[in-house]
Amino acid sequence: MSNTGYPRTVFWLVWAVALLPLLGASLAYFSGWRPAEHITQGELYPPGVTLSDLHLGDPALTTEGSWRLILLVGEECGDECHRWQALLPNLHASLGKDRDRLLWQQVENNQQGVGLLLADPQGFMVTRYRLSLPPQSIIKDLKRLLRISKVG
């Protein structure tokens, strides 16, 4: 009885176990497949958009150093705007030890519409949130971002 086929089978099984996930990941990546579920609750800005590109009109916004959460209010500001004006101090306080890394501001602007904008410490735009989102989802995003980020 010869067992010369057994080591060869083990050899190819080890290679298959190592290469099949790599092949599957490569196929998914190059076919353009992306998971349907997003981690962030807001709309991500394209890379390279800065806070000064939005022309919000407040020169204090372009200073660097901290993450910035900006509440845009305008003439069409309704109940949601007023609700967020009251919620922002509580949202800021709920960040705990990371609250010193985030500045929040309110800006009057009719060109961009209403919403919450998040900018990084270098002045690049990260996310835009609708005011209809629950505050818990924005807090969850901010806590995750500040935990992962080493800047600001």
N, C-alpha and C. Protein backbone atom coordinates (compact mmCIF):
# COMPACT_ATOMS: atom_id res chain seq x y z
N MET A 1 0.85 -1.18 0.00
CA MET A 1 0.00 0.00 0.00
C MET A 1 0.89 1.23 0.00
N SER A 2 0.65 2.13 -0.97
CA SER A 2 1.49 3.31 -1.14
C SER A 2 0.71 4.55 -0.73
N ASN A 3 1.35 5.46 0.01
CA ASN A 3 0.70 6.71 0.41
C ASN A 3 1.38 7.92 -0.24
N THR A 4 1.83 7.75 -1.46
CA THR A 4 2.50 8.85 -2.17
C THR A 4 1.51 9.95 -2.58
N GLY A 5 0.24 9.66 -2.71
CA GLY A 5 -0.75 10.66 -3.10
C GLY A 5 -1.17 11.56 -1.95
N TYR A 6 -1.04 11.09 -0.74
CA TYR A 6 -1.49 11.84 0.43
C TYR A 6 -0.71 13.14 0.63
N PRO A 7 0.62 13.17 0.62
CA PRO A 7 1.33 14.43 0.78
C PRO A 7 1.04 15.43 -0.35
N ARG A 8 0.84 14.93 -1.54
CA ARG A 8 0.53 15.82 -2.65
C ARG A 8 -0.84 16.46 -2.45
N THR A 9 -1.82 15.72 -1.96
CA THR A 9 -3.16 16.25 -1.70
C THR A 9 -3.11 17.32 -0.61
N VAL A 10 -2.37 17.07 0.44
CA VAL A 10 -2.22 18.05 1.52
C VAL A 10 -1.56 19.32 0.99
N PHE A 11 -0.55 19.16 0.17
CA PHE A 11 0.14 20.30 -0.42
C PHE A 11 -0.83 21.19 -1.19
N TRP A 12 -1.64 20.59 -2.05
CA TRP A 12 -2.58 21.39 -2.85
C TRP A 12 -3.72 21.94 -2.01
N LEU A 13 -4.14 21.26 -0.97
CA LEU A 13 -5.16 21.80 -0.08
C LEU A 13 -4.65 23.03 0.68
N VAL A 14 -3.42 22.99 1.12
CA VAL A 14 -2.84 24.15 1.80
C VAL A 14 -2.78 25.34 0.86
N TRP A 15 -2.36 25.13 -0.37
CA TRP A 15 -2.32 26.21 -1.35
C TRP A 15 -3.73 26.74 -1.66
N ALA A 16 -4.70 25.86 -1.76
CA ALA A 16 -6.07 26.28 -2.05
C ALA A 16 -6.65 27.11 -0.92
N VAL A 17 -6.38 26.69 0.32
CA VAL A 17 -6.88 27.44 1.47
C VAL A 17 -6.25 28.83 1.50
N ALA A 18 -5.02 28.95 1.08
CA ALA A 18 -4.35 30.25 1.09
C ALA A 18 -4.75 31.11 -0.09
N LEU A 19 -4.97 30.54 -1.25
CA LEU A 19 -5.20 31.33 -2.45
C LEU A 19 -6.66 31.63 -2.76
N LEU A 20 -7.59 30.80 -2.31
CA LEU A 20 -9.00 31.06 -2.62
C LEU A 20 -9.51 32.38 -2.04
N PRO A 21 -9.23 32.72 -0.78
CA PRO A 21 -9.68 34.04 -0.30
C PRO A 21 -9.04 35.20 -1.06
N LEU A 22 -7.78 35.04 -1.41
CA LEU A 22 -7.09 36.08 -2.17
C LEU A 22 -7.71 36.23 -3.56
N LEU A 23 -8.02 35.14 -4.19
CA LEU A 23 -8.67 35.17 -5.49
C LEU A 23 -10.06 35.79 -5.40
N GLY A 24 -10.81 35.43 -4.37
CA GLY A 24 -12.15 36.00 -4.19
C GLY A 24 -12.11 37.50 -3.92
N ALA A 25 -11.17 37.94 -3.10
CA ALA A 25 -11.03 39.37 -2.82
C ALA A 25 -10.61 40.15 -4.05
N SER A 26 -9.69 39.59 -4.83
CA SER A 26 -9.25 40.25 -6.06
C SER A 26 -10.39 40.37 -7.05
N LEU A 27 -11.16 39.32 -7.17
CA LEU A 27 -12.30 39.34 -8.08
C LEU A 27 -13.32 40.40 -7.66
N ALA A 28 -13.61 40.48 -6.38
CA ALA A 28 -14.57 41.48 -5.88
C ALA A 28 -14.03 42.89 -6.08
N TYR A 29 -12.76 43.10 -5.83
CA TYR A 29 -12.18 44.44 -5.96
C TYR A 29 -12.16 44.91 -7.41
N PHE A 30 -11.69 44.08 -8.31
CA PHE A 30 -11.55 44.50 -9.70
C PHE A 30 -12.87 44.50 -10.46
N SER A 31 -13.89 43.84 -9.94
CA SER A 31 -15.20 43.91 -10.58
C SER A 31 -15.98 45.15 -10.13
N GLY A 32 -15.46 45.86 -9.11
CA GLY A 32 -16.13 47.07 -8.64
C GLY A 32 -17.17 46.83 -7.58
N TRP A 33 -17.26 45.65 -7.04
CA TRP A 33 -18.26 45.34 -6.02
C TRP A 33 -17.91 46.05 -4.73
N ARG A 34 -18.89 46.65 -4.10
CA ARG A 34 -18.74 47.28 -2.79
C ARG A 34 -19.89 46.83 -1.90
N PRO A 35 -19.64 46.72 -0.60
CA PRO A 35 -20.74 46.33 0.29
C PRO A 35 -21.86 47.36 0.24
N ALA A 36 -23.08 46.89 0.39
CA ALA A 36 -24.24 47.78 0.31
C ALA A 36 -24.36 48.64 1.56
N GLU A 37 -23.86 48.18 2.67
CA GLU A 37 -24.00 48.90 3.93
C GLU A 37 -22.83 49.86 4.12
N HIS A 38 -23.15 51.09 4.49
CA HIS A 38 -22.13 52.10 4.76
C HIS A 38 -21.97 52.23 6.26
N ILE A 39 -20.77 52.57 6.68
CA ILE A 39 -20.52 52.76 8.10
C ILE A 39 -21.01 54.14 8.54
N THR A 40 -20.72 55.15 7.75
CA THR A 40 -21.09 56.51 8.12
C THR A 40 -22.56 56.78 7.82
N GLN A 41 -23.15 57.66 8.59
CA GLN A 41 -24.56 58.00 8.41
C GLN A 41 -24.75 59.20 7.48
N GLY A 42 -23.68 59.94 7.24
CA GLY A 42 -23.77 61.13 6.40
C GLY A 42 -23.32 60.86 4.98
N GLU A 43 -23.28 61.94 4.21
CA GLU A 43 -22.81 61.87 2.82
C GLU A 43 -21.36 62.32 2.81
N LEU A 44 -20.47 61.47 2.32
CA LEU A 44 -19.05 61.79 2.29
C LEU A 44 -18.76 62.79 1.16
N TYR A 45 -17.90 63.73 1.46
CA TYR A 45 -17.45 64.67 0.43
C TYR A 45 -16.39 63.99 -0.43
N PRO A 46 -16.27 64.37 -1.69
CA PRO A 46 -15.17 63.83 -2.51
C PRO A 46 -13.83 64.33 -1.96
N PRO A 47 -12.76 63.58 -2.18
CA PRO A 47 -11.45 64.00 -1.68
C PRO A 47 -11.02 65.35 -2.26
N GLY A 48 -10.41 66.17 -1.41
CA GLY A 48 -9.86 67.43 -1.85
C GLY A 48 -10.74 68.64 -1.65
N VAL A 49 -11.99 68.47 -1.25
CA VAL A 49 -12.87 69.61 -1.03
C VAL A 49 -12.52 70.21 0.34
N THR A 50 -12.20 71.50 0.34
CA THR A 50 -11.83 72.17 1.58
C THR A 50 -12.98 73.03 2.08
N LEU A 51 -12.84 73.43 3.32
CA LEU A 51 -13.85 74.28 3.94
C LEU A 51 -13.91 75.64 3.26
N SER A 52 -12.77 76.14 2.79
CA SER A 52 -12.76 77.43 2.10
C SER A 52 -13.42 77.34 0.72
N ASP A 53 -13.46 76.13 0.12
CA ASP A 53 -14.13 75.96 -1.17
C ASP A 53 -15.64 76.17 -1.07
N LEU A 54 -16.20 76.01 0.11
CA LEU A 54 -17.65 76.15 0.28
C LEU A 54 -18.09 77.59 0.41
N HIS A 55 -17.16 78.52 0.63
CA HIS A 55 -17.45 79.96 0.73
C HIS A 55 -18.58 80.22 1.71
N LEU A 56 -18.36 79.81 2.94
CA LEU A 56 -19.39 79.99 3.97
C LEU A 56 -19.40 81.41 4.53
N GLY A 57 -18.36 82.18 4.29
CA GLY A 57 -18.37 83.58 4.67
C GLY A 57 -17.85 83.88 6.07
N ASP A 58 -17.46 82.89 6.83
CA ASP A 58 -16.95 83.10 8.18
C ASP A 58 -15.46 82.79 8.18
N PRO A 59 -14.58 83.81 8.31
CA PRO A 59 -13.14 83.55 8.26
C PRO A 59 -12.64 82.70 9.43
N ALA A 60 -13.35 82.66 10.52
CA ALA A 60 -12.94 81.83 11.67
C ALA A 60 -13.03 80.34 11.36
N LEU A 61 -13.80 79.98 10.33
CA LEU A 61 -13.95 78.57 9.98
C LEU A 61 -12.70 78.00 9.33
N THR A 62 -11.90 78.83 8.71
CA THR A 62 -10.76 78.31 7.96
C THR A 62 -9.52 78.10 8.82
N THR A 63 -9.58 78.42 10.11
CA THR A 63 -8.43 78.18 10.98
C THR A 63 -8.28 76.68 11.21
N GLU A 64 -7.03 76.23 11.28
CA GLU A 64 -6.76 74.81 11.42
C GLU A 64 -6.50 74.45 12.87
N GLY A 65 -6.61 73.16 13.18
CA GLY A 65 -6.22 72.68 14.50
C GLY A 65 -7.20 71.75 15.16
N SER A 66 -8.49 71.88 14.91
CA SER A 66 -9.48 71.01 15.55
C SER A 66 -10.49 70.53 14.52
N TRP A 67 -11.12 69.43 14.84
CA TRP A 67 -12.25 68.97 14.05
C TRP A 67 -13.36 70.00 14.24
N ARG A 68 -14.15 70.25 13.20
CA ARG A 68 -15.21 71.23 13.27
C ARG A 68 -16.54 70.63 12.81
N LEU A 69 -17.55 70.82 13.63
CA LEU A 69 -18.92 70.45 13.29
C LEU A 69 -19.68 71.75 13.12
N ILE A 70 -20.18 71.99 11.92
CA ILE A 70 -20.78 73.28 11.57
C ILE A 70 -22.25 73.08 11.26
N LEU A 71 -23.08 73.81 11.98
CA LEU A 71 -24.52 73.79 11.72
C LEU A 71 -24.83 74.93 10.77
N LEU A 72 -25.28 74.57 9.57
CA LEU A 72 -25.68 75.57 8.58
C LEU A 72 -27.15 75.88 8.75
N VAL A 73 -27.46 77.12 8.97
CA VAL A 73 -28.86 77.54 9.07
C VAL A 73 -29.09 78.61 8.02
N GLY A 74 -30.31 78.69 7.57
CA GLY A 74 -30.66 79.67 6.55
C GLY A 74 -32.05 80.18 6.78
N GLU A 75 -32.57 80.83 5.76
CA GLU A 75 -33.92 81.39 5.87
C GLU A 75 -34.97 80.29 6.00
N GLU A 76 -34.72 79.14 5.38
CA GLU A 76 -35.69 78.05 5.43
C GLU A 76 -35.52 77.17 6.67
N CYS A 77 -34.83 77.69 7.66
CA CYS A 77 -34.58 76.94 8.89
C CYS A 77 -35.90 76.74 9.64
N GLY A 78 -36.28 75.51 9.82
CA GLY A 78 -37.53 75.20 10.48
C GLY A 78 -37.32 74.62 11.86
N ASP A 79 -38.21 73.73 12.23
CA ASP A 79 -38.15 73.11 13.55
C ASP A 79 -36.89 72.28 13.74
N GLU A 80 -36.42 71.62 12.68
CA GLU A 80 -35.22 70.79 12.80
C GLU A 80 -34.00 71.65 13.13
N CYS A 81 -33.89 72.83 12.52
CA CYS A 81 -32.77 73.72 12.81
C CYS A 81 -32.79 74.14 14.28
N HIS A 82 -33.96 74.52 14.75
CA HIS A 82 -34.07 74.95 16.14
C HIS A 82 -33.79 73.80 17.10
N ARG A 83 -34.20 72.62 16.71
CA ARG A 83 -33.93 71.43 17.55
C ARG A 83 -32.43 71.19 17.61
N TRP A 84 -31.73 71.30 16.47
CA TRP A 84 -30.29 71.07 16.45
C TRP A 84 -29.52 72.18 17.15
N GLN A 85 -30.04 73.40 17.13
CA GLN A 85 -29.40 74.48 17.87
C GLN A 85 -29.39 74.16 19.37
N ALA A 86 -30.44 73.52 19.84
CA ALA A 86 -30.49 73.12 21.25
C ALA A 86 -29.70 71.85 21.51
N LEU A 87 -29.59 70.95 20.51
CA LEU A 87 -28.91 69.67 20.71
C LEU A 87 -27.39 69.75 20.62
N LEU A 88 -26.86 70.71 19.88
CA LEU A 88 -25.40 70.75 19.65
C LEU A 88 -24.58 70.83 20.94
N PRO A 89 -24.93 71.64 21.91
CA PRO A 89 -24.12 71.63 23.15
C PRO A 89 -24.15 70.27 23.85
N ASN A 90 -25.30 69.60 23.84
CA ASN A 90 -25.40 68.28 24.46
C ASN A 90 -24.62 67.23 23.66
N LEU A 91 -24.68 67.32 22.35
CA LEU A 91 -23.92 66.41 21.50
C LEU A 91 -22.43 66.57 21.77
N HIS A 92 -21.99 67.80 21.87
CA HIS A 92 -20.58 68.09 22.14
C HIS A 92 -20.18 67.52 23.51
N ALA A 93 -21.01 67.69 24.50
CA ALA A 93 -20.69 67.18 25.84
C ALA A 93 -20.70 65.66 25.89
N SER A 94 -21.49 65.02 25.04
CA SER A 94 -21.58 63.56 25.07
C SER A 94 -20.34 62.88 24.49
N LEU A 95 -19.44 63.64 23.89
CA LEU A 95 -18.22 63.05 23.34
C LEU A 95 -17.20 62.71 24.43
N GLY A 96 -17.44 63.15 25.65
CA GLY A 96 -16.57 62.79 26.76
C GLY A 96 -15.18 63.39 26.63
N LYS A 97 -14.17 62.55 26.79
CA LYS A 97 -12.78 63.05 26.79
C LYS A 97 -12.36 63.62 25.44
N ASP A 98 -13.06 63.28 24.37
CA ASP A 98 -12.71 63.79 23.04
C ASP A 98 -13.40 65.10 22.70
N ARG A 99 -14.19 65.64 23.61
CA ARG A 99 -14.93 66.86 23.27
C ARG A 99 -14.02 68.05 23.02
N ASP A 100 -12.81 68.04 23.60
CA ASP A 100 -11.88 69.15 23.36
C ASP A 100 -11.30 69.13 21.96
N ARG A 101 -11.42 68.01 21.27
CA ARG A 101 -10.90 67.89 19.91
C ARG A 101 -11.88 68.39 18.86
N LEU A 102 -13.12 68.68 19.26
CA LEU A 102 -14.17 69.08 18.32
C LEU A 102 -14.71 70.45 18.69
N LEU A 103 -14.71 71.35 17.72
CA LEU A 103 -15.35 72.65 17.89
C LEU A 103 -16.65 72.63 17.10
N TRP A 104 -17.69 73.22 17.65
CA TRP A 104 -18.93 73.31 16.89
C TRP A 104 -19.29 74.78 16.74
N GLN A 105 -19.83 75.09 15.57
CA GLN A 105 -20.19 76.46 15.24
C GLN A 105 -21.50 76.46 14.48
N GLN A 106 -22.15 77.60 14.53
CA GLN A 106 -23.36 77.80 13.75
C GLN A 106 -23.09 78.91 12.74
N VAL A 107 -23.44 78.67 11.49
CA VAL A 107 -23.17 79.62 10.42
C VAL A 107 -24.46 79.90 9.67
N GLU A 108 -24.72 81.18 9.47
CA GLU A 108 -25.86 81.60 8.65
C GLU A 108 -25.42 81.55 7.20
N ASN A 109 -26.09 80.72 6.39
CA ASN A 109 -25.71 80.59 4.99
C ASN A 109 -26.91 80.10 4.21
N ASN A 110 -27.26 80.82 3.16
CA ASN A 110 -28.40 80.43 2.33
C ASN A 110 -27.98 79.70 1.07
N GLN A 111 -26.68 79.69 0.75
CA GLN A 111 -26.22 79.08 -0.49
C GLN A 111 -26.10 77.56 -0.37
N GLN A 112 -25.66 77.06 0.76
CA GLN A 112 -25.40 75.63 0.93
C GLN A 112 -26.61 74.86 1.44
N GLY A 113 -27.66 75.52 1.88
CA GLY A 113 -28.79 74.83 2.46
C GLY A 113 -28.52 74.52 3.93
N VAL A 114 -29.46 73.86 4.58
CA VAL A 114 -29.30 73.53 5.98
C VAL A 114 -28.66 72.15 6.11
N GLY A 115 -27.97 71.94 7.21
CA GLY A 115 -27.34 70.65 7.47
C GLY A 115 -26.19 70.80 8.44
N LEU A 116 -25.57 69.69 8.76
CA LEU A 116 -24.39 69.65 9.61
C LEU A 116 -23.20 69.25 8.75
N LEU A 117 -22.12 70.01 8.84
CA LEU A 117 -20.91 69.72 8.09
C LEU A 117 -19.81 69.32 9.07
N LEU A 118 -18.99 68.37 8.67
CA LEU A 118 -17.86 67.95 9.48
C LEU A 118 -16.58 68.18 8.67
N ALA A 119 -15.64 68.94 9.26
CA ALA A 119 -14.37 69.23 8.62
C ALA A 119 -13.24 68.74 9.51
N ASP A 120 -12.16 68.26 8.89
CA ASP A 120 -11.03 67.76 9.66
C ASP A 120 -10.12 68.91 10.08
N PRO A 121 -9.11 68.65 10.91
CA PRO A 121 -8.25 69.73 11.40
C PRO A 121 -7.45 70.46 10.33
N GLN A 122 -7.22 69.84 9.17
CA GLN A 122 -6.51 70.52 8.10
C GLN A 122 -7.44 71.35 7.21
N GLY A 123 -8.73 71.33 7.46
CA GLY A 123 -9.69 72.13 6.70
C GLY A 123 -10.36 71.39 5.57
N PHE A 124 -10.14 70.07 5.46
CA PHE A 124 -10.80 69.29 4.41
C PHE A 124 -12.18 68.84 4.90
N MET A 125 -13.12 68.86 3.99
CA MET A 125 -14.48 68.44 4.32
C MET A 125 -14.54 66.92 4.38
N VAL A 126 -15.28 66.40 5.35
CA VAL A 126 -15.39 64.97 5.53
C VAL A 126 -16.80 64.51 5.21
N THR A 127 -17.78 65.02 5.93
CA THR A 127 -19.14 64.50 5.84
C THR A 127 -20.15 65.63 5.95
N ARG A 128 -21.30 65.42 5.31
CA ARG A 128 -22.44 66.31 5.47
C ARG A 128 -23.60 65.46 5.99
N TYR A 129 -24.21 65.93 7.07
CA TYR A 129 -25.34 65.21 7.67
C TYR A 129 -26.63 65.98 7.43
N ARG A 130 -27.69 65.24 7.17
CA ARG A 130 -29.03 65.84 7.09
C ARG A 130 -29.51 66.10 8.51
N LEU A 131 -30.31 67.12 8.68
CA LEU A 131 -30.82 67.44 10.01
C LEU A 131 -31.90 66.46 10.45
N SER A 132 -32.39 65.65 9.53
CA SER A 132 -33.42 64.67 9.89
C SER A 132 -32.84 63.44 10.57
N LEU A 133 -31.51 63.29 10.57
CA LEU A 133 -30.89 62.15 11.23
C LEU A 133 -31.02 62.26 12.74
N PRO A 134 -31.13 61.13 13.43
CA PRO A 134 -31.16 61.18 14.89
C PRO A 134 -29.77 61.54 15.43
N PRO A 135 -29.71 62.26 16.54
CA PRO A 135 -28.41 62.67 17.09
C PRO A 135 -27.53 61.48 17.48
N GLN A 136 -28.14 60.35 17.84
CA GLN A 136 -27.36 59.18 18.25
C GLN A 136 -26.48 58.67 17.11
N SER A 137 -26.96 58.72 15.89
CA SER A 137 -26.17 58.23 14.77
C SER A 137 -24.99 59.16 14.49
N ILE A 138 -25.18 60.45 14.67
CA ILE A 138 -24.08 61.39 14.46
C ILE A 138 -23.06 61.25 15.59
N ILE A 139 -23.52 61.07 16.81
CA ILE A 139 -22.60 60.86 17.93
C ILE A 139 -21.79 59.59 17.71
N LYS A 140 -22.43 58.55 17.23
CA LYS A 140 -21.73 57.29 16.96
C LYS A 140 -20.64 57.50 15.91
N ASP A 141 -20.96 58.23 14.84
CA ASP A 141 -19.97 58.53 13.80
C ASP A 141 -18.81 59.34 14.36
N LEU A 142 -19.13 60.37 15.15
CA LEU A 142 -18.08 61.24 15.69
C LEU A 142 -17.17 60.49 16.65
N LYS A 143 -17.75 59.66 17.51
CA LYS A 143 -16.94 58.90 18.45
C LYS A 143 -16.01 57.94 17.72
N ARG A 144 -16.52 57.28 16.70
CA ARG A 144 -15.69 56.35 15.91
C ARG A 144 -14.56 57.11 15.21
N LEU A 145 -14.89 58.24 14.63
CA LEU A 145 -13.91 59.04 13.91
C LEU A 145 -12.83 59.57 14.85
N LEU A 146 -13.22 60.10 15.99
CA LEU A 146 -12.24 60.65 16.92
C LEU A 146 -11.39 59.56 17.58
N ARG A 147 -11.94 58.39 17.73
CA ARG A 147 -11.17 57.27 18.29
C ARG A 147 -10.10 56.82 17.30
N ILE A 148 -10.45 56.78 16.01
CA ILE A 148 -9.51 56.30 14.99
C ILE A 148 -8.50 57.39 14.61
N SER A 149 -8.92 58.63 14.60
CA SER A 149 -8.08 59.72 14.12
C SER A 149 -6.99 60.06 15.12
N LYS A 150 -5.82 60.35 14.60
CA LYS A 150 -4.69 60.78 15.43
C LYS A 150 -4.41 62.26 15.30
N VAL A 151 -5.16 62.95 14.43
CA VAL A 151 -4.95 64.39 14.24
C VAL A 151 -6.00 65.16 15.01
N GLY A 152 -5.70 66.39 15.30
CA GLY A 152 -6.64 67.27 15.99
C GLY A 152 -6.71 66.95 17.41
